[in-house]
Amino acid sequence: MGPTPDETTTTQKMSWDEYFYEMAKVTAKRSRDPDSQVGAVVVSDDHVVLSTGYNGPARGVLDLPERILNDKKEKLRWMCHAEANAVFNAARVGTILLDATIYVTKFPCVSCAGAIVQVGIRRIYTEGDFWRNDPSGDDGARAYRVLAEAGVQIHAPNLTGCLRFKECNCDREGVSGITKKGTSKKRVHVQHT
């Protein structure tokens, strides 16, 4: 006879955010980028995976060592970012990402932030930090602002430094808040948990 409920050890169930973020971390392992493996998972409101992506060359393009190992600038010319790949993979099969959440292992670059906004993703969850060597020269401020101004809910507790916009009311390390343009009361902020 098996153990009674009182005799079993109760395990805490993962939250949906933890679950899908772990899935993004596993997805990142598909990348052969030696410097930064990034994964993204896009999920519907009712917790269904809609798309995944990782950083690597476009579908069918070889990830040859001379393209990704020898020269960082050359590598960036060949790579598609995880978030863009997740968006493209959804488009390829006709999946709508409107009102979805994207879980990504690194804060998006400004180009990926634009793609996230354009497809109607309404929330981003990342435990990653800003890019420090964004190919477009952004230090994360533009990407954050693109998402915030478009009304994307941002959950990114590990961002470091202050974005130093005029609207920033930061009095400590980290990002505290940005007032959405055109409104005086609505605040878009990083949810520190």
C-alpha atoms as a PDB file:
ATOM      1  CA  MET A   1       0.000   0.000   0.000  1.00  0.00           C
ATOM      2  CA  GLY A   2       1.321   3.498  -0.882  1.00  0.00           C
ATOM      3  CA  PRO A   3       1.996   6.314   1.563  1.00  0.00           C
ATOM      4  CA  THR A   4      -0.886   8.365   2.875  1.00  0.00           C
ATOM      5  CA  PRO A   5      -1.067  12.068   1.931  1.00  0.00           C
ATOM      6  CA  ASP A   6       0.347  13.001   5.357  1.00  0.00           C
ATOM      7  CA  GLU A   7       3.386  10.778   4.781  1.00  0.00           C
ATOM      8  CA  THR A   8       4.353  12.252   1.399  1.00  0.00           C
ATOM      9  CA  THR A   9       6.552  15.266   0.974  1.00  0.00           C
ATOM     10  CA  THR A  10       4.660  18.135  -0.609  1.00  0.00           C
ATOM     11  CA  THR A  11       6.560  19.856  -3.382  1.00  0.00           C
ATOM     12  CA  GLN A  12       5.923  23.477  -4.254  1.00  0.00           C
ATOM     13  CA  LYS A  13       4.648  23.804  -7.821  1.00  0.00           C
ATOM     14  CA  MET A  14       6.553  26.219 -10.091  1.00  0.00           C
ATOM     15  CA  SER A  15       4.786  29.412 -11.118  1.00  0.00           C
ATOM     16  CA  TRP A  16       3.955  29.812 -14.806  1.00  0.00           C
ATOM     17  CA  ASP A  17       6.663  32.484 -15.070  1.00  0.00           C
ATOM     18  CA  GLU A  18       9.269  30.142 -13.598  1.00  0.00           C
ATOM     19  CA  TYR A  19       8.132  27.292 -15.827  1.00  0.00           C
ATOM     20  CA  PHE A  20       8.256  29.215 -19.090  1.00  0.00           C
ATOM     21  CA  TYR A  21      11.492  31.000 -18.170  1.00  0.00           C
ATOM     22  CA  GLU A  22      13.113  27.604 -17.563  1.00  0.00           C
ATOM     23  CA  MET A  23      11.811  26.566 -20.975  1.00  0.00           C
ATOM     24  CA  ALA A  24      13.491  29.646 -22.507  1.00  0.00           C
ATOM     25  CA  LYS A  25      16.769  28.657 -20.820  1.00  0.00           C
ATOM     26  CA  VAL A  26      16.529  25.169 -22.329  1.00  0.00           C
ATOM     27  CA  THR A  27      15.697  26.663 -25.746  1.00  0.00           C
ATOM     28  CA  ALA A  28      18.856  28.817 -25.499  1.00  0.00           C
ATOM     29  CA  LYS A  29      20.943  25.639 -25.415  1.00  0.00           C
ATOM     30  CA  ARG A  30      20.131  25.113 -29.111  1.00  0.00           C
ATOM     31  CA  SER A  31      22.321  28.127 -29.957  1.00  0.00           C
ATOM     32  CA  ARG A  32      25.897  27.510 -31.014  1.00  0.00           C
ATOM     33  CA  ASP A  33      26.939  31.085 -30.215  1.00  0.00           C
ATOM     34  CA  PRO A  34      30.014  30.731 -27.994  1.00  0.00           C
ATOM     35  CA  ASP A  35      29.537  34.160 -26.379  1.00  0.00           C
ATOM     36  CA  SER A  36      25.837  34.328 -25.594  1.00  0.00           C
ATOM     37  CA  GLN A  37      23.167  31.669 -25.876  1.00  0.00           C
ATOM     38  CA  VAL A  38      19.733  33.285 -25.770  1.00  0.00           C
ATOM     39  CA  GLY A  39      16.338  31.594 -25.820  1.00  0.00           C
ATOM     40  CA  ALA A  40      12.796  32.924 -26.182  1.00  0.00           C
ATOM     41  CA  VAL A  41       9.393  31.332 -25.618  1.00  0.00           C
ATOM     42  CA  VAL A  42       6.129  33.087 -26.547  1.00  0.00           C
ATOM     43  CA  VAL A  43       3.060  32.020 -24.570  1.00  0.00           C
ATOM     44  CA  SER A  44      -0.659  32.794 -24.774  1.00  0.00           C
ATOM     45  CA  ASP A  45      -2.769  34.106 -21.877  1.00  0.00           C
ATOM     46  CA  ASP A  46      -3.974  30.574 -21.201  1.00  0.00           C
ATOM     47  CA  HIS A  47      -0.414  29.196 -20.908  1.00  0.00           C
ATOM     48  CA  VAL A  48      -0.048  27.594 -24.341  1.00  0.00           C
ATOM     49  CA  VAL A  49       3.363  27.812 -26.037  1.00  0.00           C
ATOM     50  CA  LEU A  50       2.895  29.671 -29.326  1.00  0.00           C
ATOM     51  CA  SER A  51       6.492  29.875 -30.547  1.00  0.00           C
ATOM     52  CA  THR A  52      10.124  29.491 -29.560  1.00  0.00           C
ATOM     53  CA  GLY A  53      13.404  30.868 -30.874  1.00  0.00           C
ATOM     54  CA  TYR A  54      17.094  31.009 -30.115  1.00  0.00           C
ATOM     55  CA  ASN A  55      19.942  33.095 -31.464  1.00  0.00           C
ATOM     56  CA  GLY A  56      21.473  31.634 -34.591  1.00  0.00           C
ATOM     57  CA  PRO A  57      21.545  32.028 -38.354  1.00  0.00           C
ATOM     58  CA  ALA A  58      18.351  32.046 -40.399  1.00  0.00           C
ATOM     59  CA  ARG A  59      16.687  28.719 -41.163  1.00  0.00           C
ATOM     60  CA  GLY A  60      18.783  26.725 -43.627  1.00  0.00           C
ATOM     61  CA  VAL A  61      21.862  28.959 -43.317  1.00  0.00           C
ATOM     62  CA  LEU A  62      24.935  27.137 -42.053  1.00  0.00           C
ATOM     63  CA  ASP A  63      26.418  28.179 -38.722  1.00  0.00           C
ATOM     64  CA  LEU A  64      29.969  27.666 -39.913  1.00  0.00           C
ATOM     65  CA  PRO A  65      32.789  28.196 -37.392  1.00  0.00           C
ATOM     66  CA  GLU A  66      34.352  30.958 -39.505  1.00  0.00           C
ATOM     67  CA  ARG A  67      31.053  32.851 -39.252  1.00  0.00           C
ATOM     68  CA  ILE A  68      30.434  32.494 -35.536  1.00  0.00           C
ATOM     69  CA  LEU A  69      33.755  31.777 -33.826  1.00  0.00           C
ATOM     70  CA  ASN A  70      36.499  33.943 -35.303  1.00  0.00           C
ATOM     71  CA  ASP A  71      35.119  37.475 -35.520  1.00  0.00           C
ATOM     72  CA  LYS A  72      32.396  38.880 -33.258  1.00  0.00           C
ATOM     73  CA  LYS A  73      31.360  41.574 -35.745  1.00  0.00           C
ATOM     74  CA  GLU A  74      31.087  38.998 -38.522  1.00  0.00           C
ATOM     75  CA  LYS A  75      29.079  36.698 -36.227  1.00  0.00           C
ATOM     76  CA  LEU A  76      26.541  39.455 -35.537  1.00  0.00           C
ATOM     77  CA  ARG A  77      26.019  39.894 -39.277  1.00  0.00           C
ATOM     78  CA  TRP A  78      24.930  36.249 -39.591  1.00  0.00           C
ATOM     79  CA  MET A  79      22.851  35.825 -36.429  1.00  0.00           C
ATOM     80  CA  CYS A  80      19.138  36.322 -35.863  1.00  0.00           C
ATOM     81  CA  HIS A  81      18.256  37.084 -32.272  1.00  0.00           C
ATOM     82  CA  ALA A  82      16.109  34.693 -30.224  1.00  0.00           C
ATOM     83  CA  GLU A  83      13.160  37.091 -29.967  1.00  0.00           C
ATOM     84  CA  ALA A  84      13.160  37.759 -33.721  1.00  0.00           C
ATOM     85  CA  ASN A  85      13.386  34.039 -34.437  1.00  0.00           C
ATOM     86  CA  ALA A  86      10.405  33.374 -32.146  1.00  0.00           C
ATOM     87  CA  VAL A  87       8.390  36.059 -33.976  1.00  0.00           C
ATOM     88  CA  PHE A  88       9.468  34.752 -37.406  1.00  0.00           C
ATOM     89  CA  ASN A  89       8.735  31.132 -36.438  1.00  0.00           C
ATOM     90  CA  ALA A  90       5.200  32.127 -35.413  1.00  0.00           C
ATOM     91  CA  ALA A  91       4.679  34.071 -38.654  1.00  0.00           C
ATOM     92  CA  ARG A  92       5.930  31.128 -40.702  1.00  0.00           C
ATOM     93  CA  VAL A  93       3.048  28.958 -39.497  1.00  0.00           C
ATOM     94  CA  GLY A  94       0.440  31.733 -39.166  1.00  0.00           C
ATOM     95  CA  THR A  95       0.376  31.954 -35.360  1.00  0.00           C
ATOM     96  CA  ILE A  96      -0.895  35.243 -33.958  1.00  0.00           C
ATOM     97  CA  LEU A  97       1.098  36.596 -30.995  1.00  0.00           C
ATOM     98  CA  LEU A  98      -1.315  39.374 -30.017  1.00  0.00           C
ATOM     99  CA  ASP A  99      -1.542  39.807 -26.219  1.00  0.00           C
ATOM    100  CA  ALA A 100       1.052  37.078 -25.599  1.00  0.00           C
ATOM    101  CA  THR A 101       3.945  37.031 -23.131  1.00  0.00           C
ATOM    102  CA  ILE A 102       7.526  36.512 -24.267  1.00  0.00           C
ATOM    103  CA  TYR A 103      10.002  34.851 -21.925  1.00  0.00           C
ATOM    104  CA  VAL A 104      13.566  35.619 -22.959  1.00  0.00           C
ATOM    105  CA  THR A 105      16.900  34.931 -21.275  1.00  0.00           C
ATOM    106  CA  LYS A 106      18.395  38.341 -22.096  1.00  0.00           C
ATOM    107  CA  PHE A 107      16.762  41.776 -22.284  1.00  0.00           C
ATOM    108  CA  PRO A 108      15.930  42.454 -25.962  1.00  0.00           C
ATOM    109  CA  CYS A 109      17.942  44.755 -28.199  1.00  0.00           C
ATOM    110  CA  VAL A 110      16.147  47.766 -29.665  1.00  0.00           C
ATOM    111  CA  SER A 111      15.402  45.954 -32.948  1.00  0.00           C
ATOM    112  CA  CYS A 112      13.848  42.963 -31.156  1.00  0.00           C
ATOM    113  CA  ALA A 113      11.933  45.321 -28.855  1.00  0.00           C
ATOM    114  CA  GLY A 114      10.397  46.852 -31.984  1.00  0.00           C
ATOM    115  CA  ALA A 115       9.440  43.404 -33.299  1.00  0.00           C
ATOM    116  CA  ILE A 116       7.859  42.522 -29.938  1.00  0.00           C
ATOM    117  CA  VAL A 117       5.767  45.689 -30.038  1.00  0.00           C
ATOM    118  CA  GLN A 118       4.772  45.277 -33.701  1.00  0.00           C
ATOM    119  CA  VAL A 119       3.331  41.775 -33.256  1.00  0.00           C
ATOM    120  CA  GLY A 120       1.319  42.861 -30.214  1.00  0.00           C
ATOM    121  CA  ILE A 121       3.120  41.000 -27.453  1.00  0.00           C
ATOM    122  CA  ARG A 122       1.901  42.702 -24.287  1.00  0.00           C
ATOM    123  CA  ARG A 123       4.319  41.391 -21.659  1.00  0.00           C
ATOM    124  CA  ILE A 124       8.002  40.500 -21.419  1.00  0.00           C
ATOM    125  CA  TYR A 125       9.562  38.402 -18.685  1.00  0.00           C
ATOM    126  CA  THR A 126      13.321  38.183 -18.373  1.00  0.00           C
ATOM    127  CA  GLU A 127      15.809  37.593 -15.626  1.00  0.00           C
ATOM    128  CA  GLY A 128      18.589  38.753 -17.951  1.00  0.00           C
ATOM    129  CA  ASP A 129      20.284  42.116 -17.966  1.00  0.00           C
ATOM    130  CA  PHE A 130      20.650  44.735 -20.708  1.00  0.00           C
ATOM    131  CA  TRP A 131      22.902  44.101 -23.676  1.00  0.00           C
ATOM    132  CA  ARG A 132      26.303  45.616 -23.060  1.00  0.00           C
ATOM    133  CA  ASN A 133      27.463  45.375 -26.685  1.00  0.00           C
ATOM    134  CA  ASP A 134      24.279  45.876 -28.696  1.00  0.00           C
ATOM    135  CA  PRO A 135      25.131  45.941 -32.429  1.00  0.00           C
ATOM    136  CA  SER A 136      23.092  49.151 -32.797  1.00  0.00           C
ATOM    137  CA  GLY A 137      25.065  50.886 -30.038  1.00  0.00           C
ATOM    138  CA  ASP A 138      22.146  50.892 -27.571  1.00  0.00           C
ATOM    139  CA  ASP A 139      22.946  50.330 -23.894  1.00  0.00           C
ATOM    140  CA  GLY A 140      19.409  49.105 -23.218  1.00  0.00           C
ATOM    141  CA  ALA A 141      17.801  52.508 -22.743  1.00  0.00           C
ATOM    142  CA  ARG A 142      16.274  52.688 -26.240  1.00  0.00           C
ATOM    143  CA  ALA A 143      15.017  49.099 -26.100  1.00  0.00           C
ATOM    144  CA  TYR A 144      13.460  49.654 -22.688  1.00  0.00           C
ATOM    145  CA  ARG A 145      11.866  52.876 -23.836  1.00  0.00           C
ATOM    146  CA  VAL A 146      10.417  51.275 -26.992  1.00  0.00           C
ATOM    147  CA  LEU A 147       8.729  48.624 -24.859  1.00  0.00           C
ATOM    148  CA  ALA A 148       7.595  51.032 -22.125  1.00  0.00           C
ATOM    149  CA  GLU A 149       6.192  53.685 -24.454  1.00  0.00           C
ATOM    150  CA  ALA A 150       4.252  51.038 -26.373  1.00  0.00           C
ATOM    151  CA  GLY A 151       2.694  49.832 -23.124  1.00  0.00           C
ATOM    152  CA  VAL A 152       4.434  46.452 -22.929  1.00  0.00           C
ATOM    153  CA  GLN A 153       4.483  45.223 -19.331  1.00  0.00           C
ATOM    154  CA  ILE A 154       8.106  44.577 -18.370  1.00  0.00           C
ATOM    155  CA  HIS A 155       9.125  42.111 -15.676  1.00  0.00           C
ATOM    156  CA  ALA A 156      12.916  42.303 -15.436  1.00  0.00           C
ATOM    157  CA  PRO A 157      14.133  42.249 -11.834  1.00  0.00           C
ATOM    158  CA  ASN A 158      17.839  41.917 -12.651  1.00  0.00           C
ATOM    159  CA  LEU A 159      18.364  45.036 -14.765  1.00  0.00           C
ATOM    160  CA  THR A 160      21.340  47.040 -13.537  1.00  0.00           C
ATOM    161  CA  GLY A 161      21.920  50.769 -13.645  1.00  0.00           C
ATOM    162  CA  CYS A 162      19.483  53.594 -14.270  1.00  0.00           C
ATOM    163  CA  LEU A 163      18.135  54.513 -17.686  1.00  0.00           C
ATOM    164  CA  ARG A 164      18.337  58.242 -16.878  1.00  0.00           C
ATOM    165  CA  PHE A 165      15.458  59.484 -19.017  1.00  0.00           C
ATOM    166  CA  LYS A 166      13.995  62.885 -18.184  1.00  0.00           C
ATOM    167  CA  GLU A 167      10.938  61.101 -16.830  1.00  0.00           C
ATOM    168  CA  CYS A 168      12.940  58.708 -14.658  1.00  0.00           C
ATOM    169  CA  ASN A 169      12.179  59.032 -10.954  1.00  0.00           C
ATOM    170  CA  CYS A 170      14.970  56.718  -9.908  1.00  0.00           C
ATOM    171  CA  ASP A 171      16.602  57.343  -6.555  1.00  0.00           C
ATOM    172  CA  ARG A 172      18.476  54.060  -6.351  1.00  0.00           C
ATOM    173  CA  GLU A 173      20.308  51.530  -8.478  1.00  0.00           C
ATOM    174  CA  GLY A 174      18.025  49.836 -10.983  1.00  0.00           C
ATOM    175  CA  VAL A 175      15.051  51.023 -12.949  1.00  0.00           C
ATOM    176  CA  SER A 176      12.160  52.450 -10.958  1.00  0.00           C
ATOM    177  CA  GLY A 177       9.770  53.903 -13.477  1.00  0.00           C
ATOM    178  CA  ILE A 178       8.980  55.830 -16.593  1.00  0.00           C
ATOM    179  CA  THR A 179       5.884  57.892 -17.207  1.00  0.00           C
ATOM    180  CA  LYS A 180       4.251  56.869 -20.464  1.00  0.00           C
ATOM    181  CA  LYS A 181       4.327  59.723 -22.980  1.00  0.00           C
ATOM    182  CA  GLY A 182       1.081  61.631 -23.191  1.00  0.00           C
ATOM    183  CA  THR A 183      -0.169  60.628 -19.751  1.00  0.00           C
ATOM    184  CA  SER A 184       0.595  62.127 -16.403  1.00  0.00           C
ATOM    185  CA  LYS A 185      -0.455  59.302 -14.115  1.00  0.00           C
ATOM    186  CA  LYS A 186       0.139  56.007 -15.879  1.00  0.00           C
ATOM    187  CA  ARG A 187       3.505  54.602 -14.905  1.00  0.00           C
ATOM    188  CA  VAL A 188       5.243  51.775 -16.673  1.00  0.00           C
ATOM    189  CA  HIS A 189       7.814  50.121 -14.461  1.00  0.00           C
ATOM    190  CA  VAL A 190       9.987  47.147 -13.887  1.00  0.00           C
ATOM    191  CA  GLN A 191       8.320  44.858 -11.362  1.00  0.00           C
ATOM    192  CA  HIS A 192      10.998  44.083  -8.809  1.00  0.00           C
ATOM    193  CA  THR A 193      10.117  40.845  -7.063  1.00  0.00           C
END
